[in-house]
Amino acid sequence: MKPDTITIDEVKYVRADSVPALKKSGPEVIVRTVSAGVHIGTIISREGKEVKLSNARRLWSWSGAFTLNAVATKGVSRTNSRISATVSEITLMEAIEIIPVTEGVDLSTTEK
């Protein structure tokens, strides 16, 4: 029988196979809305024009990409763009565009 934890230098470590894997609920996307702006996050659910995102950030302004399609596929200039702090969940009404973010594109927060 293997131990579930081990303590080294007064730090407790947990076996990797004893922690359930986090489930990603959907792909990371950019959502443009009628009046709430542009948001980046992971889709939790979508019903009609209502979209719920987790780990969501608001994209206030961007540089280095002309369109949201370019933002999703190539990213943005990190120094001249404004991406808000992350909120754990947001519900957006009136979504009019949902664009998948290309794997490897970093659209994490730029706000301090």
PDB file of N, CA and C in Angstrom:
ATOM      1  N   MET A   1       0.829  -1.174   0.000  1.00  0.00           N
ATOM      2  CA  MET A   1       0.000   0.000   0.000  1.00  0.00           C
ATOM      3  C   MET A   1       0.881   1.248   0.000  1.00  0.00           C
ATOM      4  N   LYS A   2       0.545   2.201  -0.919  1.00  0.00           N
ATOM      5  CA  LYS A   2       1.338   3.417  -1.041  1.00  0.00           C
ATOM      6  C   LYS A   2       0.743   4.516  -0.157  1.00  0.00           C
ATOM      7  N   PRO A   3       1.598   5.328   0.452  1.00  0.00           N
ATOM      8  CA  PRO A   3       1.063   6.424   1.269  1.00  0.00           C
ATOM      9  C   PRO A   3       0.428   7.497   0.381  1.00  0.00           C
ATOM     10  N   ASP A   4      -0.624   8.178   0.902  1.00  0.00           N
ATOM     11  CA  ASP A   4      -1.276   9.252   0.156  1.00  0.00           C
ATOM     12  C   ASP A   4      -0.501  10.560   0.242  1.00  0.00           C
ATOM     13  N   THR A   5       0.247  10.742   1.327  1.00  0.00           N
ATOM     14  CA  THR A   5       1.035  11.959   1.512  1.00  0.00           C
ATOM     15  C   THR A   5       2.410  11.600   2.043  1.00  0.00           C
ATOM     16  N   ILE A   6       3.319  12.547   1.872  1.00  0.00           N
ATOM     17  CA  ILE A   6       4.659  12.422   2.440  1.00  0.00           C
ATOM     18  C   ILE A   6       5.067  13.818   2.900  1.00  0.00           C
ATOM     19  N   THR A   7       5.798  13.902   4.002  1.00  0.00           N
ATOM     20  CA  THR A   7       6.246  15.185   4.517  1.00  0.00           C
ATOM     21  C   THR A   7       7.754  15.266   4.405  1.00  0.00           C
ATOM     22  N   ILE A   8       8.213  16.339   3.764  1.00  0.00           N
ATOM     23  CA  ILE A   8       9.649  16.590   3.623  1.00  0.00           C
ATOM     24  C   ILE A   8       9.901  18.013   4.074  1.00  0.00           C
ATOM     25  N   ASP A   9      10.819  18.193   5.011  1.00  0.00           N
ATOM     26  CA  ASP A   9      11.132  19.518   5.557  1.00  0.00           C
ATOM     27  C   ASP A   9       9.874  20.272   5.974  1.00  0.00           C
ATOM     28  N   GLU A  10       8.996  19.578   6.658  1.00  0.00           N
ATOM     29  CA  GLU A  10       7.750  20.130   7.183  1.00  0.00           C
ATOM     30  C   GLU A  10       6.763  20.589   6.109  1.00  0.00           C
ATOM     31  N   VAL A  11       6.949  20.133   4.880  1.00  0.00           N
ATOM     32  CA  VAL A  11       6.011  20.418   3.786  1.00  0.00           C
ATOM     33  C   VAL A  11       5.337  19.116   3.403  1.00  0.00           C
ATOM     34  N   LYS A  12       4.000  19.106   3.406  1.00  0.00           N
ATOM     35  CA  LYS A  12       3.245  17.905   3.078  1.00  0.00           C
ATOM     36  C   LYS A  12       2.985  17.856   1.571  1.00  0.00           C
ATOM     37  N   TYR A  13       3.315  16.739   0.945  1.00  0.00           N
ATOM     38  CA  TYR A  13       3.097  16.534  -0.489  1.00  0.00           C
ATOM     39  C   TYR A  13       2.060  15.438  -0.682  1.00  0.00           C
ATOM     40  N   VAL A  14       1.231  15.579  -1.705  1.00  0.00           N
ATOM     41  CA  VAL A  14       0.169  14.621  -2.005  1.00  0.00           C
ATOM     42  C   VAL A  14       0.521  13.896  -3.291  1.00  0.00           C
ATOM     43  N   ARG A  15       0.238  12.592  -3.306  1.00  0.00           N
ATOM     44  CA  ARG A  15       0.480  11.801  -4.517  1.00  0.00           C
ATOM     45  C   ARG A  15      -0.341  12.349  -5.678  1.00  0.00           C
ATOM     46  N   ALA A  16       0.258  12.479  -6.831  1.00  0.00           N
ATOM     47  CA  ALA A  16      -0.434  13.024  -7.998  1.00  0.00           C
ATOM     48  C   ALA A  16      -1.637  12.179  -8.394  1.00  0.00           C
ATOM     49  N   ASP A  17      -1.531  10.862  -8.259  1.00  0.00           N
ATOM     50  CA  ASP A  17      -2.647  10.006  -8.676  1.00  0.00           C
ATOM     51  C   ASP A  17      -3.769   9.937  -7.641  1.00  0.00           C
ATOM     52  N   SER A  18      -3.602  10.643  -6.506  1.00  0.00           N
ATOM     53  CA  SER A  18      -4.675  10.660  -5.511  1.00  0.00           C
ATOM     54  C   SER A  18      -5.534  11.921  -5.613  1.00  0.00           C
ATOM     55  N   VAL A  19      -5.161  12.840  -6.508  1.00  0.00           N
ATOM     56  CA  VAL A  19      -5.907  14.081  -6.714  1.00  0.00           C
ATOM     57  C   VAL A  19      -6.688  13.963  -8.018  1.00  0.00           C
ATOM     58  N   PRO A  20      -8.008  14.175  -7.982  1.00  0.00           N
ATOM     59  CA  PRO A  20      -8.770  14.086  -9.224  1.00  0.00           C
ATOM     60  C   PRO A  20      -8.349  15.162 -10.203  1.00  0.00           C
ATOM     61  N   ALA A  21      -8.285  14.803 -11.464  1.00  0.00           N
ATOM     62  CA  ALA A  21      -7.904  15.752 -12.504  1.00  0.00           C
ATOM     63  C   ALA A  21      -8.984  16.811 -12.658  1.00  0.00           C
ATOM     64  N   LEU A  22      -8.551  18.055 -12.876  1.00  0.00           N
ATOM     65  CA  LEU A  22      -9.502  19.121 -13.123  1.00  0.00           C
ATOM     66  C   LEU A  22     -10.079  18.957 -14.521  1.00  0.00           C
ATOM     67  N   LYS A  23     -11.383  19.094 -14.629  1.00  0.00           N
ATOM     68  CA  LYS A  23     -12.024  18.974 -15.926  1.00  0.00           C
ATOM     69  C   LYS A  23     -12.142  20.338 -16.560  1.00  0.00           C
ATOM     70  N   LYS A  24     -11.724  20.431 -17.800  1.00  0.00           N
ATOM     71  CA  LYS A  24     -11.922  21.644 -18.553  1.00  0.00           C
ATOM     72  C   LYS A  24     -13.307  21.530 -19.162  1.00  0.00           C
ATOM     73  N   SER A  25     -14.165  22.507 -18.877  1.00  0.00           N
ATOM     74  CA  SER A  25     -15.556  22.389 -19.298  1.00  0.00           C
ATOM     75  C   SER A  25     -15.764  22.696 -20.771  1.00  0.00           C
ATOM     76  N   GLY A  26     -14.830  23.315 -21.411  1.00  0.00           N
ATOM     77  CA  GLY A  26     -14.981  23.627 -22.821  1.00  0.00           C
ATOM     78  C   GLY A  26     -13.750  24.351 -23.325  1.00  0.00           C
ATOM     79  N   PRO A  27     -13.755  24.723 -24.585  1.00  0.00           N
ATOM     80  CA  PRO A  27     -12.591  25.400 -25.160  1.00  0.00           C
ATOM     81  C   PRO A  27     -12.523  26.861 -24.716  1.00  0.00           C
ATOM     82  N   GLU A  28     -11.322  27.430 -24.728  1.00  0.00           N
ATOM     83  CA  GLU A  28     -11.194  28.861 -24.475  1.00  0.00           C
ATOM     84  C   GLU A  28     -11.679  29.595 -25.716  1.00  0.00           C
ATOM     85  N   VAL A  29     -12.458  30.651 -25.485  1.00  0.00           N
ATOM     86  CA  VAL A  29     -13.064  31.387 -26.590  1.00  0.00           C
ATOM     87  C   VAL A  29     -13.017  32.889 -26.324  1.00  0.00           C
ATOM     88  N   ILE A  30     -13.236  33.639 -27.388  1.00  0.00           N
ATOM     89  CA  ILE A  30     -13.489  35.073 -27.307  1.00  0.00           C
ATOM     90  C   ILE A  30     -14.958  35.255 -27.619  1.00  0.00           C
ATOM     91  N   VAL A  31     -15.672  35.983 -26.749  1.00  0.00           N
ATOM     92  CA  VAL A  31     -17.098  36.232 -26.957  1.00  0.00           C
ATOM     93  C   VAL A  31     -17.315  37.733 -27.101  1.00  0.00           C
ATOM     94  N   ARG A  32     -17.921  38.128 -28.224  1.00  0.00           N
ATOM     95  CA  ARG A  32     -18.311  39.529 -28.420  1.00  0.00           C
ATOM     96  C   ARG A  32     -19.795  39.626 -28.150  1.00  0.00           C
ATOM     97  N   THR A  33     -20.189  40.620 -27.373  1.00  0.00           N
ATOM     98  CA  THR A  33     -21.598  40.797 -27.026  1.00  0.00           C
ATOM     99  C   THR A  33     -22.133  42.089 -27.632  1.00  0.00           C
ATOM    100  N   VAL A  34     -23.440  42.237 -27.571  1.00  0.00           N
ATOM    101  CA  VAL A  34     -24.067  43.445 -28.089  1.00  0.00           C
ATOM    102  C   VAL A  34     -23.616  44.676 -27.307  1.00  0.00           C
ATOM    103  N   SER A  35     -23.670  44.609 -25.962  1.00  0.00           N
ATOM    104  CA  SER A  35     -23.367  45.811 -25.184  1.00  0.00           C
ATOM    105  C   SER A  35     -22.415  45.597 -24.014  1.00  0.00           C
ATOM    106  N   ALA A  36     -21.977  44.368 -23.756  1.00  0.00           N
ATOM    107  CA  ALA A  36     -21.088  44.111 -22.620  1.00  0.00           C
ATOM    108  C   ALA A  36     -19.627  43.981 -23.034  1.00  0.00           C
ATOM    109  N   GLY A  37     -19.323  44.229 -24.283  1.00  0.00           N
ATOM    110  CA  GLY A  37     -17.944  44.197 -24.732  1.00  0.00           C
ATOM    111  C   GLY A  37     -17.470  42.818 -25.147  1.00  0.00           C
ATOM    112  N   VAL A  38     -16.151  42.634 -25.067  1.00  0.00           N
ATOM    113  CA  VAL A  38     -15.491  41.411 -25.518  1.00  0.00           C
ATOM    114  C   VAL A  38     -14.883  40.710 -24.312  1.00  0.00           C
ATOM    115  N   HIS A  39     -15.106  39.405 -24.211  1.00  0.00           N
ATOM    116  CA  HIS A  39     -14.628  38.616 -23.076  1.00  0.00           C
ATOM    117  C   HIS A  39     -13.882  37.390 -23.577  1.00  0.00           C
ATOM    118  N   ILE A  40     -12.917  36.944 -22.772  1.00  0.00           N
ATOM    119  CA  ILE A  40     -12.136  35.744 -23.068  1.00  0.00           C
ATOM    120  C   ILE A  40     -12.345  34.793 -21.897  1.00  0.00           C
ATOM    121  N   GLY A  41     -12.585  33.520 -22.184  1.00  0.00           N
ATOM    122  CA  GLY A  41     -12.748  32.560 -21.096  1.00  0.00           C
ATOM    123  C   GLY A  41     -13.031  31.173 -21.615  1.00  0.00           C
ATOM    124  N   THR A  42     -13.336  30.290 -20.690  1.00  0.00           N
ATOM    125  CA  THR A  42     -13.642  28.903 -21.019  1.00  0.00           C
ATOM    126  C   THR A  42     -15.147  28.704 -20.942  1.00  0.00           C
ATOM    127  N   ILE A  43     -15.720  28.145 -21.989  1.00  0.00           N
ATOM    128  CA  ILE A  43     -17.170  27.952 -22.033  1.00  0.00           C
ATOM    129  C   ILE A  43     -17.615  26.943 -20.982  1.00  0.00           C
ATOM    130  N   ILE A  44     -18.576  27.359 -20.160  1.00  0.00           N
ATOM    131  CA  ILE A  44     -19.250  26.453 -19.245  1.00  0.00           C
ATOM    132  C   ILE A  44     -20.521  25.943 -19.914  1.00  0.00           C
ATOM    133  N   SER A  45     -21.287  26.901 -20.483  1.00  0.00           N
ATOM    134  CA  SER A  45     -22.525  26.527 -21.167  1.00  0.00           C
ATOM    135  C   SER A  45     -22.937  27.621 -22.132  1.00  0.00           C
ATOM    136  N   ARG A  46     -23.830  27.236 -23.040  1.00  0.00           N
ATOM    137  CA  ARG A  46     -24.400  28.193 -23.982  1.00  0.00           C
ATOM    138  C   ARG A  46     -25.837  27.801 -24.252  1.00  0.00           C
ATOM    139  N   GLU A  47     -26.732  28.756 -24.102  1.00  0.00           N
ATOM    140  CA  GLU A  47     -28.142  28.551 -24.428  1.00  0.00           C
ATOM    141  C   GLU A  47     -28.595  29.774 -25.210  1.00  0.00           C
ATOM    142  N   GLY A  48     -28.827  29.600 -26.499  1.00  0.00           N
ATOM    143  CA  GLY A  48     -29.189  30.741 -27.339  1.00  0.00           C
ATOM    144  C   GLY A  48     -28.078  31.770 -27.305  1.00  0.00           C
ATOM    145  N   LYS A  49     -28.425  33.001 -26.952  1.00  0.00           N
ATOM    146  CA  LYS A  49     -27.443  34.084 -26.897  1.00  0.00           C
ATOM    147  C   LYS A  49     -26.784  34.236 -25.532  1.00  0.00           C
ATOM    148  N   GLU A  50     -27.165  33.380 -24.556  1.00  0.00           N
ATOM    149  CA  GLU A  50     -26.576  33.431 -23.222  1.00  0.00           C
ATOM    150  C   GLU A  50     -25.388  32.483 -23.158  1.00  0.00           C
ATOM    151  N   VAL A  51     -24.246  33.027 -22.762  1.00  0.00           N
ATOM    152  CA  VAL A  51     -23.017  32.236 -22.665  1.00  0.00           C
ATOM    153  C   VAL A  51     -22.435  32.407 -21.266  1.00  0.00           C
ATOM    154  N   LYS A  52     -22.103  31.295 -20.613  1.00  0.00           N
ATOM    155  CA  LYS A  52     -21.428  31.329 -19.314  1.00  0.00           C
ATOM    156  C   LYS A  52     -19.970  30.950 -19.533  1.00  0.00           C
ATOM    157  N   LEU A  53     -19.085  31.763 -18.962  1.00  0.00           N
ATOM    158  CA  LEU A  53     -17.647  31.517 -19.060  1.00  0.00           C
ATOM    159  C   LEU A  53     -17.054  31.358 -17.674  1.00  0.00           C
ATOM    160  N   SER A  54     -16.033  30.533 -17.577  1.00  0.00           N
ATOM    161  CA  SER A  54     -15.228  30.471 -16.359  1.00  0.00           C
ATOM    162  C   SER A  54     -13.869  31.070 -16.680  1.00  0.00           C
ATOM    163  N   ASN A  55     -13.143  31.466 -15.647  1.00  0.00           N
ATOM    164  CA  ASN A  55     -11.819  32.081 -15.812  1.00  0.00           C
ATOM    165  C   ASN A  55     -11.870  33.181 -16.866  1.00  0.00           C
ATOM    166  N   ALA A  56     -12.824  34.094 -16.704  1.00  0.00           N
ATOM    167  CA  ALA A  56     -13.114  35.095 -17.727  1.00  0.00           C
ATOM    168  C   ALA A  56     -12.361  36.403 -17.506  1.00  0.00           C
ATOM    169  N   ARG A  57     -11.939  36.985 -18.608  1.00  0.00           N
ATOM    170  CA  ARG A  57     -11.284  38.287 -18.615  1.00  0.00           C
ATOM    171  C   ARG A  57     -11.974  39.157 -19.656  1.00  0.00           C
ATOM    172  N   ARG A  58     -12.059  40.463 -19.394  1.00  0.00           N
ATOM    173  CA  ARG A  58     -12.610  41.404 -20.369  1.00  0.00           C
ATOM    174  C   ARG A  58     -11.455  41.957 -21.194  1.00  0.00           C
ATOM    175  N   LEU A  59     -11.620  41.972 -22.485  1.00  0.00           N
ATOM    176  CA  LEU A  59     -10.630  42.534 -23.403  1.00  0.00           C
ATOM    177  C   LEU A  59     -11.047  43.973 -23.680  1.00  0.00           C
ATOM    178  N   TRP A  60     -10.420  44.922 -22.964  1.00  0.00           N
ATOM    179  CA  TRP A  60     -10.792  46.335 -23.060  1.00  0.00           C
ATOM    180  C   TRP A  60     -10.275  46.967 -24.345  1.00  0.00           C
ATOM    181  N   SER A  61      -9.049  46.685 -24.656  1.00  0.00           N
ATOM    182  CA  SER A  61      -8.456  47.199 -25.899  1.00  0.00           C
ATOM    183  C   SER A  61      -7.312  46.280 -26.275  1.00  0.00           C
ATOM    184  N   TRP A  62      -6.989  46.268 -27.552  1.00  0.00           N
ATOM    185  CA  TRP A  62      -5.905  45.395 -27.989  1.00  0.00           C
ATOM    186  C   TRP A  62      -5.090  46.069 -29.072  1.00  0.00           C
ATOM    187  N   SER A  63      -3.857  45.619 -29.170  1.00  0.00           N
ATOM    188  CA  SER A  63      -2.913  46.124 -30.145  1.00  0.00           C
ATOM    189  C   SER A  63      -2.158  44.938 -30.709  1.00  0.00           C
ATOM    190  N   GLY A  64      -1.745  45.048 -31.948  1.00  0.00           N
ATOM    191  CA  GLY A  64      -0.986  43.973 -32.577  1.00  0.00           C
ATOM    192  C   GLY A  64      -1.852  42.994 -33.339  1.00  0.00           C
ATOM    193  N   ALA A  65      -3.162  43.228 -33.344  1.00  0.00           N
ATOM    194  CA  ALA A  65      -4.102  42.396 -34.103  1.00  0.00           C
ATOM    195  C   ALA A  65      -5.232  43.323 -34.553  1.00  0.00           C
ATOM    196  N   PHE A  66      -5.585  43.252 -35.831  1.00  0.00           N
ATOM    197  CA  PHE A  66      -6.599  44.152 -36.368  1.00  0.00           C
ATOM    198  C   PHE A  66      -8.013  43.712 -36.013  1.00  0.00           C
ATOM    199  N   THR A  67      -8.287  42.409 -36.061  1.00  0.00           N
ATOM    200  CA  THR A  67      -9.630  41.883 -35.817  1.00  0.00           C
ATOM    201  C   THR A  67      -9.616  40.913 -34.644  1.00  0.00           C
ATOM    202  N   LEU A  68     -10.811  40.571 -34.150  1.00  0.00           N
ATOM    203  CA  LEU A  68     -10.894  39.557 -33.096  1.00  0.00           C
ATOM    204  C   LEU A  68     -10.441  38.196 -33.610  1.00  0.00           C
ATOM    205  N   ASN A  69     -10.634  37.930 -34.892  1.00  0.00           N
ATOM    206  CA  ASN A  69     -10.118  36.677 -35.468  1.00  0.00           C
ATOM    207  C   ASN A  69      -8.602  36.618 -35.314  1.00  0.00           C
ATOM    208  N   ALA A  70      -7.920  37.740 -35.563  1.00  0.00           N
ATOM    209  CA  ALA A  70      -6.460  37.780 -35.414  1.00  0.00           C
ATOM    210  C   ALA A  70      -6.069  37.665 -33.939  1.00  0.00           C
ATOM    211  N   VAL A  71      -6.841  38.278 -33.058  1.00  0.00           N
ATOM    212  CA  VAL A  71      -6.583  38.142 -31.614  1.00  0.00           C
ATOM    213  C   VAL A  71      -6.625  36.665 -31.227  1.00  0.00           C
ATOM    214  N   ALA A  72      -7.651  35.947 -31.704  1.00  0.00           N
ATOM    215  CA  ALA A  72      -7.846  34.533 -31.347  1.00  0.00           C
ATOM    216  C   ALA A  72      -6.778  33.628 -31.931  1.00  0.00           C
ATOM    217  N   THR A  73      -6.240  33.973 -33.088  1.00  0.00           N
ATOM    218  CA  THR A  73      -5.276  33.084 -33.741  1.00  0.00           C
ATOM    219  C   THR A  73      -3.819  33.481 -33.533  1.00  0.00           C
ATOM    220  N   LYS A  74      -3.562  34.783 -33.302  1.00  0.00           N
ATOM    221  CA  LYS A  74      -2.176  35.241 -33.197  1.00  0.00           C
ATOM    222  C   LYS A  74      -1.832  35.899 -31.869  1.00  0.00           C
ATOM    223  N   GLY A  75      -2.870  36.301 -31.093  1.00  0.00           N
ATOM    224  CA  GLY A  75      -2.613  36.973 -29.829  1.00  0.00           C
ATOM    225  C   GLY A  75      -2.553  38.480 -29.994  1.00  0.00           C
ATOM    226  N   VAL A  76      -2.083  39.162 -28.962  1.00  0.00           N
ATOM    227  CA  VAL A  76      -2.030  40.621 -28.947  1.00  0.00           C
ATOM    228  C   VAL A  76      -0.673  41.084 -28.447  1.00  0.00           C
ATOM    229  N   SER A  77      -0.398  42.366 -28.644  1.00  0.00           N
ATOM    230  CA  SER A  77       0.783  42.979 -28.056  1.00  0.00           C
ATOM    231  C   SER A  77       0.552  43.077 -26.558  1.00  0.00           C
ATOM    232  N   ARG A  78       1.411  42.501 -25.763  1.00  0.00           N
ATOM    233  CA  ARG A  78       1.223  42.469 -24.304  1.00  0.00           C
ATOM    234  C   ARG A  78       1.405  43.854 -23.679  1.00  0.00           C
ATOM    235  N   THR A  79       2.213  44.710 -24.275  1.00  0.00           N
ATOM    236  CA  THR A  79       2.484  46.006 -23.663  1.00  0.00           C
ATOM    237  C   THR A  79       1.428  47.053 -23.996  1.00  0.00           C
ATOM    238  N   ASN A  80       0.742  46.923 -25.113  1.00  0.00           N
ATOM    239  CA  ASN A  80      -0.209  47.948 -25.536  1.00  0.00           C
ATOM    240  C   ASN A  80      -1.665  47.500 -25.483  1.00  0.00           C
ATOM    241  N   SER A  81      -1.952  46.348 -24.921  1.00  0.00           N
ATOM    242  CA  SER A  81      -3.319  45.847 -24.822  1.00  0.00           C
ATOM    243  C   SER A  81      -3.775  45.898 -23.367  1.00  0.00           C
ATOM    244  N   ARG A  82      -5.087  45.952 -23.168  1.00  0.00           N
ATOM    245  CA  ARG A  82      -5.636  45.960 -21.810  1.00  0.00           C
ATOM    246  C   ARG A  82      -6.599  44.793 -21.662  1.00  0.00           C
ATOM    247  N   ILE A  83      -6.194  43.809 -20.848  1.00  0.00           N
ATOM    248  CA  ILE A  83      -7.011  42.637 -20.534  1.00  0.00           C
ATOM    249  C   ILE A  83      -7.190  42.631 -19.020  1.00  0.00           C
ATOM    250  N   SER A  84      -8.447  42.572 -18.582  1.00  0.00           N
ATOM    251  CA  SER A  84      -8.742  42.715 -17.153  1.00  0.00           C
ATOM    252  C   SER A  84      -8.284  41.533 -16.324  1.00  0.00           C
ATOM    253  N   ALA A  85      -8.396  41.708 -15.019  1.00  0.00           N
ATOM    254  CA  ALA A  85      -8.169  40.614 -14.089  1.00  0.00           C
ATOM    255  C   ALA A  85      -9.226  39.534 -14.322  1.00  0.00           C
ATOM    256  N   THR A  86      -8.934  38.327 -13.904  1.00  0.00           N
ATOM    257  CA  THR A  86      -9.819  37.184 -14.114  1.00  0.00           C
ATOM    258  C   THR A  86     -10.913  37.129 -13.057  1.00  0.00           C
ATOM    259  N   VAL A  87     -12.142  36.829 -13.500  1.00  0.00           N
ATOM    260  CA  VAL A  87     -13.223  36.495 -12.575  1.00  0.00           C
ATOM    261  C   VAL A  87     -13.526  35.018 -12.753  1.00  0.00           C
ATOM    262  N   SER A  88     -13.954  34.358 -11.691  1.00  0.00           N
ATOM    263  CA  SER A  88     -14.144  32.908 -11.756  1.00  0.00           C
ATOM    264  C   SER A  88     -15.270  32.515 -12.708  1.00  0.00           C
ATOM    265  N   GLU A  89     -16.321  33.341 -12.796  1.00  0.00           N
ATOM    266  CA  GLU A  89     -17.439  33.006 -13.687  1.00  0.00           C
ATOM    267  C   GLU A  89     -18.180  34.270 -14.080  1.00  0.00           C
ATOM    268  N   ILE A  90     -18.708  34.290 -15.299  1.00  0.00           N
ATOM    269  CA  ILE A  90     -19.527  35.402 -15.768  1.00  0.00           C
ATOM    270  C   ILE A  90     -20.589  34.852 -16.709  1.00  0.00           C
ATOM    271  N   THR A  91     -21.774  35.446 -16.661  1.00  0.00           N
ATOM    272  CA  THR A  91     -22.836  35.107 -17.602  1.00  0.00           C
ATOM    273  C   THR A  91     -23.013  36.296 -18.527  1.00  0.00           C
ATOM    274  N   LEU A  92     -22.879  36.050 -19.810  1.00  0.00           N
ATOM    275  CA  LEU A  92     -23.009  37.100 -20.819  1.00  0.00           C
ATOM    276  C   LEU A  92     -24.324  36.924 -21.563  1.00  0.00           C
ATOM    277  N   MET A  93     -25.077  37.985 -21.656  1.00  0.00           N
ATOM    278  CA  MET A  93     -26.321  37.974 -22.419  1.00  0.00           C
ATOM    279  C   MET A  93     -26.035  38.580 -23.796  1.00  0.00           C
ATOM    280  N   GLU A  94     -26.788  38.206 -24.767  1.00  0.00           N
ATOM    281  CA  GLU A  94     -26.684  38.807 -26.098  1.00  0.00           C
ATOM    282  C   GLU A  94     -25.317  38.610 -26.758  1.00  0.00           C
ATOM    283  N   ALA A  95     -24.780  37.391 -26.670  1.00  0.00           N
ATOM    284  CA  ALA A  95     -23.545  37.078 -27.382  1.00  0.00           C
ATOM    285  C   ALA A  95     -23.839  37.067 -28.881  1.00  0.00           C
ATOM    286  N   ILE A  96     -23.002  37.746 -29.651  1.00  0.00           N
ATOM    287  CA  ILE A  96     -23.217  37.785 -31.094  1.00  0.00           C
ATOM    288  C   ILE A  96     -22.084  37.133 -31.881  1.00  0.00           C
ATOM    289  N   GLU A  97     -21.005  36.790 -31.182  1.00  0.00           N
ATOM    290  CA  GLU A  97     -19.883  36.149 -31.863  1.00  0.00           C
ATOM    291  C   GLU A  97     -19.085  35.338 -30.852  1.00  0.00           C
ATOM    292  N   ILE A  98     -18.755  34.105 -31.206  1.00  0.00           N
ATOM    293  CA  ILE A  98     -17.922  33.245 -30.365  1.00  0.00           C
ATOM    294  C   ILE A  98     -16.802  32.711 -31.244  1.00  0.00           C
ATOM    295  N   ILE A  99     -15.558  33.018 -30.874  1.00  0.00           N
ATOM    296  CA  ILE A  99     -14.396  32.630 -31.677  1.00  0.00           C
ATOM    297  C   ILE A  99     -13.478  31.758 -30.823  1.00  0.00           C
ATOM    298  N   PRO A 100     -13.174  30.537 -31.256  1.00  0.00           N
ATOM    299  CA  PRO A 100     -12.236  29.696 -30.499  1.00  0.00           C
ATOM    300  C   PRO A 100     -10.831  30.309 -30.509  1.00  0.00           C
ATOM    301  N   VAL A 101     -10.149  30.254 -29.380  1.00  0.00           N
ATOM    302  CA  VAL A 101      -8.771  30.726 -29.290  1.00  0.00           C
ATOM    303  C   VAL A 101      -7.849  29.584 -29.688  1.00  0.00           C
ATOM    304  N   THR A 102      -6.940  29.860 -30.595  1.00  0.00           N
ATOM    305  CA  THR A 102      -5.988  28.861 -31.064  1.00  0.00           C
ATOM    306  C   THR A 102      -5.102  28.401 -29.911  1.00  0.00           C
ATOM    307  N   GLU A 103      -4.900  27.098 -29.816  1.00  0.00           N
ATOM    308  CA  GLU A 103      -4.057  26.531 -28.761  1.00  0.00           C
ATOM    309  C   GLU A 103      -2.680  27.185 -28.793  1.00  0.00           C
ATOM    310  N   GLY A 104      -2.202  27.562 -27.618  1.00  0.00           N
ATOM    311  CA  GLY A 104      -0.886  28.178 -27.503  1.00  0.00           C
ATOM    312  C   GLY A 104      -0.916  29.700 -27.495  1.00  0.00           C
ATOM    313  N   VAL A 105      -2.044  30.311 -27.873  1.00  0.00           N
ATOM    314  CA  VAL A 105      -2.158  31.765 -27.845  1.00  0.00           C
ATOM    315  C   VAL A 105      -2.389  32.198 -26.400  1.00  0.00           C
ATOM    316  N   ASP A 106      -1.562  33.109 -25.892  1.00  0.00           N
ATOM    317  CA  ASP A 106      -1.658  33.563 -24.505  1.00  0.00           C
ATOM    318  C   ASP A 106      -2.467  34.844 -24.418  1.00  0.00           C
ATOM    319  N   LEU A 107      -3.663  34.750 -23.869  1.00  0.00           N
ATOM    320  CA  LEU A 107      -4.511  35.920 -23.651  1.00  0.00           C
ATOM    321  C   LEU A 107      -4.789  36.085 -22.168  1.00  0.00           C
ATOM    322  N   SER A 108      -3.792  35.806 -21.349  1.00  0.00           N
ATOM    323  CA  SER A 108      -3.962  35.975 -19.907  1.00  0.00           C
ATOM    324  C   SER A 108      -3.973  37.462 -19.567  1.00  0.00           C
ATOM    325  N   THR A 109      -4.297  37.769 -18.349  1.00  0.00           N
ATOM    326  CA  THR A 109      -4.469  39.151 -17.931  1.00  0.00           C
ATOM    327  C   THR A 109      -3.215  39.995 -18.103  1.00  0.00           C
ATOM    328  N   THR A 110      -3.422  41.267 -18.445  1.00  0.00           N
ATOM    329  CA  THR A 110      -2.318  42.227 -18.478  1.00  0.00           C
ATOM    330  C   THR A 110      -2.486  43.282 -17.404  1.00  0.00           C
ATOM    331  N   GLU A 111      -3.625  43.236 -16.688  1.00  0.00           N
ATOM    332  CA  GLU A 111      -3.891  44.206 -15.633  1.00  0.00           C
ATOM    333  C   GLU A 111      -3.161  43.795 -14.361  1.00  0.00           C
ATOM    334  N   LYS A 112      -2.618  44.741 -13.674  1.00  0.00           N
ATOM    335  CA  LYS A 112      -1.884  44.452 -12.440  1.00  0.00           C
ATOM    336  C   LYS A 112      -2.774  44.616 -11.248  1.00  0.00           C
TER     337      LYS A 112
END
